[in-house]
C-alpha atoms as a PDB file:
ATOM      1  CA  MET A   1       0.078   0.056  -0.223  1.00  0.00           C
ATOM      2  CA  SER A   2       2.691   2.532   0.526  1.00  0.00           C
ATOM      3  CA  LYS A   3       4.665   1.658  -2.797  1.00  0.00           C
ATOM      4  CA  LYS A   4       1.012   2.746  -4.161  1.00  0.00           C
ATOM      5  CA  LEU A   5       1.137   5.882  -2.329  1.00  0.00           C
ATOM      6  CA  ASP A   6       4.622   6.734  -3.238  1.00  0.00           C
ATOM      7  CA  GLU A   7       3.673   6.462  -6.793  1.00  0.00           C
ATOM      8  CA  GLU A   8       0.301   8.610  -6.310  1.00  0.00           C
ATOM      9  CA  LEU A   9       2.648  11.560  -4.742  1.00  0.00           C
ATOM     10  CA  ALA A  10       5.169  11.071  -7.349  1.00  0.00           C
ATOM     11  CA  GLN A  11       2.635  11.675  -9.973  1.00  0.00           C
ATOM     12  CA  ALA A  12       0.951  14.568  -8.703  1.00  0.00           C
ATOM     13  CA  LEU A  13       4.132  16.258  -8.110  1.00  0.00           C
ATOM     14  CA  SER A  14       5.311  15.461 -11.846  1.00  0.00           C
ATOM     15  CA  LEU A  15       1.887  17.121 -12.830  1.00  0.00           C
ATOM     16  CA  ALA A  16       1.984  20.324 -10.874  1.00  0.00           C
ATOM     17  CA  GLU A  17       5.927  20.692 -12.290  1.00  0.00           C
ATOM     18  CA  GLN A  18       3.804  20.652 -15.698  1.00  0.00           C
ATOM     19  CA  GLN A  19       1.834  23.195 -14.894  1.00  0.00           C
ATOM     20  CA  GLU A  20       4.098  25.262 -13.395  1.00  0.00           C
ATOM     21  CA  THR A  21       1.712  26.316 -10.693  1.00  0.00           C
ATOM     22  CA  PRO A  22       3.016  25.527  -6.907  1.00  0.00           C
ATOM     23  CA  ALA A  23       1.327  23.006  -4.929  1.00  0.00           C
ATOM     24  CA  VAL A  24       1.044  25.380  -1.839  1.00  0.00           C
ATOM     25  CA  VAL A  25      -0.119  29.053  -2.234  1.00  0.00           C
ATOM     26  CA  LYS A  26       1.029  31.739   0.014  1.00  0.00           C
ATOM     27  CA  PRO A  27      -1.300  33.779   1.973  1.00  0.00           C
ATOM     28  CA  ALA A  28      -1.874  37.275   0.540  1.00  0.00           C
ATOM     29  CA  ALA A  29      -1.007  39.803   2.871  1.00  0.00           C
ATOM     30  CA  PRO A  30      -3.938  41.535   4.839  1.00  0.00           C
ATOM     31  CA  SER A  31      -4.868  44.731   3.113  1.00  0.00           C
ATOM     32  CA  ALA A  32      -4.878  47.848   5.560  1.00  0.00           C
ATOM     33  CA  GLN A  33      -8.648  48.905   5.369  1.00  0.00           C
ATOM     34  CA  PRO A  34      -9.284  52.740   5.351  1.00  0.00           C
ATOM     35  CA  LYS A  35     -10.167  53.643   9.504  1.00  0.00           C
ATOM     36  CA  PRO A  36     -13.752  55.210   9.460  1.00  0.00           C
ATOM     37  CA  ARG A  37     -13.212  59.197   9.679  1.00  0.00           C
ATOM     38  CA  PRO A  38     -13.376  60.194  13.454  1.00  0.00           C
ATOM     39  CA  SER A  39     -15.446  63.136  12.974  1.00  0.00           C
ATOM     40  CA  ARG A  40     -18.404  61.168  11.891  1.00  0.00           C
ATOM     41  CA  SER A  41     -18.191  58.866  14.982  1.00  0.00           C
ATOM     42  CA  VAL A  42     -17.400  61.990  17.511  1.00  0.00           C
ATOM     43  CA  GLY A  43     -21.009  63.459  15.631  1.00  0.00           C
ATOM     44  CA  LEU A  44     -22.841  60.045  16.020  1.00  0.00           C
ATOM     45  CA  LEU A  45     -21.937  59.557  19.752  1.00  0.00           C
ATOM     46  CA  ALA A  46     -22.920  63.319  20.295  1.00  0.00           C
ATOM     47  CA  THR A  47     -26.072  62.806  18.616  1.00  0.00           C
ATOM     48  CA  LEU A  48     -26.626  59.561  20.587  1.00  0.00           C
ATOM     49  CA  LEU A  49     -25.760  61.774  23.740  1.00  0.00           C
ATOM     50  CA  VAL A  50     -27.957  64.569  23.161  1.00  0.00           C
ATOM     51  CA  MET A  51     -31.105  61.906  22.409  1.00  0.00           C
ATOM     52  CA  VAL A  52     -30.448  59.890  25.716  1.00  0.00           C
ATOM     53  CA  GLY A  53     -30.173  63.400  27.819  1.00  0.00           C
ATOM     54  CA  ALA A  54     -33.380  64.310  26.227  1.00  0.00           C
ATOM     55  CA  LEU A  55     -35.106  61.148  27.259  1.00  0.00           C
ATOM     56  CA  VAL A  56     -33.842  61.128  30.808  1.00  0.00           C
ATOM     57  CA  ALA A  57     -35.123  64.764  31.211  1.00  0.00           C
ATOM     58  CA  LEU A  58     -38.641  63.957  30.124  1.00  0.00           C
ATOM     59  CA  PHE A  59     -38.803  60.995  32.399  1.00  0.00           C
ATOM     60  CA  LEU A  60     -37.605  63.309  35.308  1.00  0.00           C
ATOM     61  CA  VAL A  61     -39.885  66.019  34.227  1.00  0.00           C
ATOM     62  CA  GLY A  62     -42.829  63.855  33.868  1.00  0.00           C
ATOM     63  CA  PHE A  63     -42.323  61.704  37.066  1.00  0.00           C
ATOM     64  CA  LYS A  64     -42.011  64.980  38.858  1.00  0.00           C
ATOM     65  CA  GLU A  65     -45.471  65.800  37.548  1.00  0.00           C
ATOM     66  CA  ALA A  66     -47.189  63.032  38.103  1.00  0.00           C
ATOM     67  CA  ALA A  67     -46.015  62.394  41.652  1.00  0.00           C
ATOM     68  CA  VAL A  68     -48.997  63.003  43.990  1.00  0.00           C
ATOM     69  CA  TYR A  69     -48.219  63.580  47.674  1.00  0.00           C
ATOM     70  CA  ALA A  70     -51.112  61.617  49.736  1.00  0.00           C
ATOM     71  CA  THR A  71     -51.694  63.025  53.394  1.00  0.00           C
ATOM     72  CA  PRO A  72     -54.423  63.361  56.184  1.00  0.00           C
ATOM     73  CA  VAL A  73     -56.132  66.643  56.609  1.00  0.00           C
ATOM     74  CA  ASP A  74     -54.134  67.165  59.787  1.00  0.00           C
ATOM     75  CA  GLN A  75     -50.918  66.485  58.317  1.00  0.00           C
ATOM     76  CA  LEU A  76     -51.575  68.751  55.152  1.00  0.00           C
ATOM     77  CA  LEU A  77     -52.415  71.890  57.392  1.00  0.00           C
ATOM     78  CA  ALA A  78     -49.450  70.989  59.788  1.00  0.00           C
ATOM     79  CA  SER A  79     -46.985  71.752  56.875  1.00  0.00           C
ATOM     80  CA  LYS A  80     -48.976  74.224  55.124  1.00  0.00           C
ATOM     81  CA  ASP A  81     -46.064  76.164  53.962  1.00  0.00           C
ATOM     82  CA  LYS A  82     -44.191  72.920  52.217  1.00  0.00           C
ATOM     83  CA  LEU A  83     -47.394  71.791  50.416  1.00  0.00           C
ATOM     84  CA  THR A  84     -49.066  75.087  49.308  1.00  0.00           C
ATOM     85  CA  GLY A  85     -49.507  75.376  45.464  1.00  0.00           C
ATOM     86  CA  ARG A  86     -48.168  71.533  45.165  1.00  0.00           C
ATOM     87  CA  LYS A  87     -50.407  68.997  43.911  1.00  0.00           C
ATOM     88  CA  VAL A  88     -51.695  66.835  46.976  1.00  0.00           C
ATOM     89  CA  ARG A  89     -54.138  64.103  47.632  1.00  0.00           C
ATOM     90  CA  VAL A  90     -56.011  64.792  50.946  1.00  0.00           C
ATOM     91  CA  GLU A  91     -57.894  61.935  52.897  1.00  0.00           C
ATOM     92  CA  GLY A  92     -60.731  62.983  55.494  1.00  0.00           C
ATOM     93  CA  GLU A  93     -64.195  62.795  56.428  1.00  0.00           C
ATOM     94  CA  LEU A  94     -67.058  64.859  55.141  1.00  0.00           C
ATOM     95  CA  VAL A  95     -68.130  67.405  57.858  1.00  0.00           C
ATOM     96  CA  PRO A  96     -72.010  66.587  58.150  1.00  0.00           C
ATOM     97  CA  GLY A  97     -74.059  69.623  56.862  1.00  0.00           C
ATOM     98  CA  THR A  98     -71.203  71.479  54.895  1.00  0.00           C
ATOM     99  CA  LEU A  99     -72.223  70.158  51.433  1.00  0.00           C
ATOM    100  CA  VAL A 100     -73.176  72.669  49.479  1.00  0.00           C
ATOM    101  CA  LYS A 101     -73.658  73.037  45.503  1.00  0.00           C
ATOM    102  CA  ARG A 102     -73.897  76.121  43.589  1.00  0.00           C
ATOM    103  CA  ASP A 103     -75.294  76.199  39.747  1.00  0.00           C
ATOM    104  CA  SER A 104     -73.538  79.535  37.974  1.00  0.00           C
ATOM    105  CA  PRO A 105     -70.552  78.641  37.922  1.00  0.00           C
ATOM    106  CA  CYS A 106     -71.524  75.056  38.928  1.00  0.00           C
ATOM    107  CA  GLU A 107     -69.127  74.126  41.995  1.00  0.00           C
ATOM    108  CA  TYR A 108     -69.503  72.133  44.831  1.00  0.00           C
ATOM    109  CA  ARG A 109     -68.200  73.337  48.457  1.00  0.00           C
ATOM    110  CA  PHE A 110     -67.767  71.575  51.619  1.00  0.00           C
ATOM    111  CA  GLN A 111     -65.364  71.091  54.700  1.00  0.00           C
ATOM    112  CA  ILE A 112     -63.744  67.802  55.427  1.00  0.00           C
ATOM    113  CA  HIS A 113     -61.818  67.371  58.837  1.00  0.00           C
ATOM    114  CA  GLY A 114     -59.265  64.926  60.216  1.00  0.00           C
ATOM    115  CA  THR A 115     -59.001  64.387  64.041  1.00  0.00           C
ATOM    116  CA  GLN A 116     -58.123  67.887  64.854  1.00  0.00           C
ATOM    117  CA  ALA A 117     -58.482  70.066  62.051  1.00  0.00           C
ATOM    118  CA  GLU A 118     -61.024  71.096  59.210  1.00  0.00           C
ATOM    119  CA  LEU A 119     -60.002  71.861  55.430  1.00  0.00           C
ATOM    120  CA  PRO A 120     -62.586  73.773  53.205  1.00  0.00           C
ATOM    121  CA  VAL A 121     -62.820  72.459  50.087  1.00  0.00           C
ATOM    122  CA  ARG A 122     -64.137  73.620  46.332  1.00  0.00           C
ATOM    123  CA  TYR A 123     -64.690  71.374  43.528  1.00  0.00           C
ATOM    124  CA  ALA A 124     -65.329  73.467  40.534  1.00  0.00           C
ATOM    125  CA  GLN A 125     -67.324  70.719  38.779  1.00  0.00           C
ATOM    126  CA  CYS A 126     -70.596  69.807  38.324  1.00  0.00           C
ATOM    127  CA  VAL A 127     -70.678  65.439  38.596  1.00  0.00           C
ATOM    128  CA  ILE A 128     -69.614  64.205  41.756  1.00  0.00           C
ATOM    129  CA  PRO A 129     -69.399  60.643  42.617  1.00  0.00           C
ATOM    130  CA  ASP A 130     -72.793  58.736  43.498  1.00  0.00           C
ATOM    131  CA  THR A 131     -71.359  57.522  46.755  1.00  0.00           C
ATOM    132  CA  PHE A 132     -70.521  61.027  47.893  1.00  0.00           C
ATOM    133  CA  ARG A 133     -73.520  62.208  49.788  1.00  0.00           C
ATOM    134  CA  ASP A 134     -74.242  64.486  52.903  1.00  0.00           C
ATOM    135  CA  VAL A 135     -75.174  62.060  55.623  1.00  0.00           C
ATOM    136  CA  PRO A 136     -76.193  63.807  59.025  1.00  0.00           C
ATOM    137  CA  SER A 137     -74.786  61.153  61.117  1.00  0.00           C
ATOM    138  CA  GLY A 138     -71.503  61.598  59.417  1.00  0.00           C
ATOM    139  CA  GLY A 139     -68.912  58.937  58.539  1.00  0.00           C
ATOM    140  CA  VAL A 140     -68.351  59.740  54.678  1.00  0.00           C
ATOM    141  CA  GLU A 141     -64.968  59.473  54.085  1.00  0.00           C
ATOM    142  CA  VAL A 142     -63.688  61.442  51.193  1.00  0.00           C
ATOM    143  CA  THR A 143     -60.534  61.455  49.273  1.00  0.00           C
ATOM    144  CA  VAL A 144     -59.526  64.974  47.250  1.00  0.00           C
ATOM    145  CA  GLU A 145     -56.809  65.680  44.764  1.00  0.00           C
ATOM    146  CA  GLY A 146     -55.713  69.031  44.015  1.00  0.00           C
ATOM    147  CA  THR A 147     -53.752  71.686  45.387  1.00  0.00           C
ATOM    148  CA  LEU A 148     -53.679  73.944  48.646  1.00  0.00           C
ATOM    149  CA  THR A 149     -54.162  77.717  47.967  1.00  0.00           C
ATOM    150  CA  GLN A 150     -52.356  80.357  49.925  1.00  0.00           C
ATOM    151  CA  ASP A 151     -55.434  81.598  51.942  1.00  0.00           C
ATOM    152  CA  GLY A 152     -56.171  77.960  52.947  1.00  0.00           C
ATOM    153  CA  ASN A 153     -58.622  76.563  50.754  1.00  0.00           C
ATOM    154  CA  PHE A 154     -58.301  73.647  48.859  1.00  0.00           C
ATOM    155  CA  GLU A 155     -59.095  73.706  45.260  1.00  0.00           C
ATOM    156  CA  ALA A 156     -59.901  70.245  44.165  1.00  0.00           C
ATOM    157  CA  SER A 157     -59.606  68.565  40.889  1.00  0.00           C
ATOM    158  CA  LEU A 158     -60.739  65.247  41.742  1.00  0.00           C
ATOM    159  CA  VAL A 159     -63.258  63.810  44.404  1.00  0.00           C
ATOM    160  CA  MET A 160     -63.399  60.348  45.451  1.00  0.00           C
ATOM    161  CA  ALA A 161     -65.768  58.906  48.203  1.00  0.00           C
ATOM    162  CA  LYS A 162     -65.085  55.569  49.910  1.00  0.00           C
ATOM    163  CA  CYS A 163     -68.305  53.403  50.037  1.00  0.00           C
ATOM    164  CA  THR A 164     -69.821  53.457  53.533  1.00  0.00           C
ATOM    165  CA  SER A 165     -71.300  50.128  53.338  1.00  0.00           C
ATOM    166  CA  LYS A 166     -69.387  47.254  55.044  1.00  0.00           C
ATOM    167  CA  TYR A 167     -70.062  43.786  54.840  1.00  0.00           C
ATOM    168  CA  ASP A 168     -70.691  41.336  58.109  1.00  0.00           C
ATOM    169  CA  PRO A 169     -69.656  37.564  57.036  1.00  0.00           C
ATOM    170  CA  ASN A 170     -71.592  36.453  60.557  1.00  0.00           C
ATOM    171  CA  SER A 171     -75.128  37.921  59.467  1.00  0.00           C
ATOM    172  CA  HIS A 172     -74.548  37.993  55.608  1.00  0.00           C
ATOM    173  CA  GLU A 173     -75.935  41.653  55.800  1.00  0.00           C
ATOM    174  CA  MET A 174     -74.532  44.980  54.700  1.00  0.00           C
ATOM    175  CA  LYS A 175     -74.085  47.494  57.024  1.00  0.00           C
ATOM    176  CA  GLY A 176     -74.359  51.153  56.632  1.00  0.00           C
ATOM    177  CA  GLY A 177     -75.486  51.405  53.359  1.00  0.00           C
ATOM    178  CA  ALA A 178     -78.157  49.765  50.775  1.00  0.00           C
ATOM    179  CA  GLN A 179     -79.228  46.329  51.140  1.00  0.00           C
ATOM    180  CA  PRO A 180     -78.346  43.984  48.723  1.00  0.00           C
ATOM    181  CA  GLY A 181     -81.605  44.316  46.225  1.00  0.00           C
ATOM    182  CA  GLU A 182     -81.792  47.847  47.052  1.00  0.00           C
ATOM    183  CA  GLY A 183     -81.446  50.596  45.014  1.00  0.00           C
ATOM    184  CA  PRO A 184     -81.688  52.166  41.308  1.00  0.00           C
ATOM    185  CA  LEU A 185     -79.910  49.178  40.010  1.00  0.00           C
ATOM    186  CA  SER A 186     -82.289  46.464  41.767  1.00  0.00           C
ATOM    187  CA  LEU A 187     -83.808  43.844  39.900  1.00  0.00           C
ATOM    188  CA  LYS A 188     -87.015  43.778  42.118  1.00  0.00           C
ATOM    189  CA  ASN A 189     -90.713  44.131  39.957  1.00  0.00           C
END
């Protein structure tokens, strides 16, 4: 077998000599590629930095605008200087007998209280939540969102009332609100 291999190699060598081409080709030297112009790279980098900076600035400004400080009535009035003019969410209880509607211009005025202080609220819209009612016995919990003015009044842009009814699992009854099957959406005939 080795004799046959030697013959094949000799034949290939003679064939290569006849064609005058080398059996092994040396690799070509790598050609130098031109480098990109640095001004283009710097310009692209500067554009990307400006875009990222603009996005970060928009995020921070938007986050600051969207942030709402939530506080009870007593804390709001205790830190009145710090929170005046800032968007705030205030939680309190409606003072019975203070809910007044004015038709022209359409607005609601009422007072909410905490444990020690009362806050006059003005809501300059005609529609209030259905659960926001002036109940003589009190206990209507209210959350208002808006700004505290310099004169100590609260200009509300949003009024939310908590549902006063509570479900008692022992007696299977609603307490403090409409009973099941009562009210405008009842299915009684």
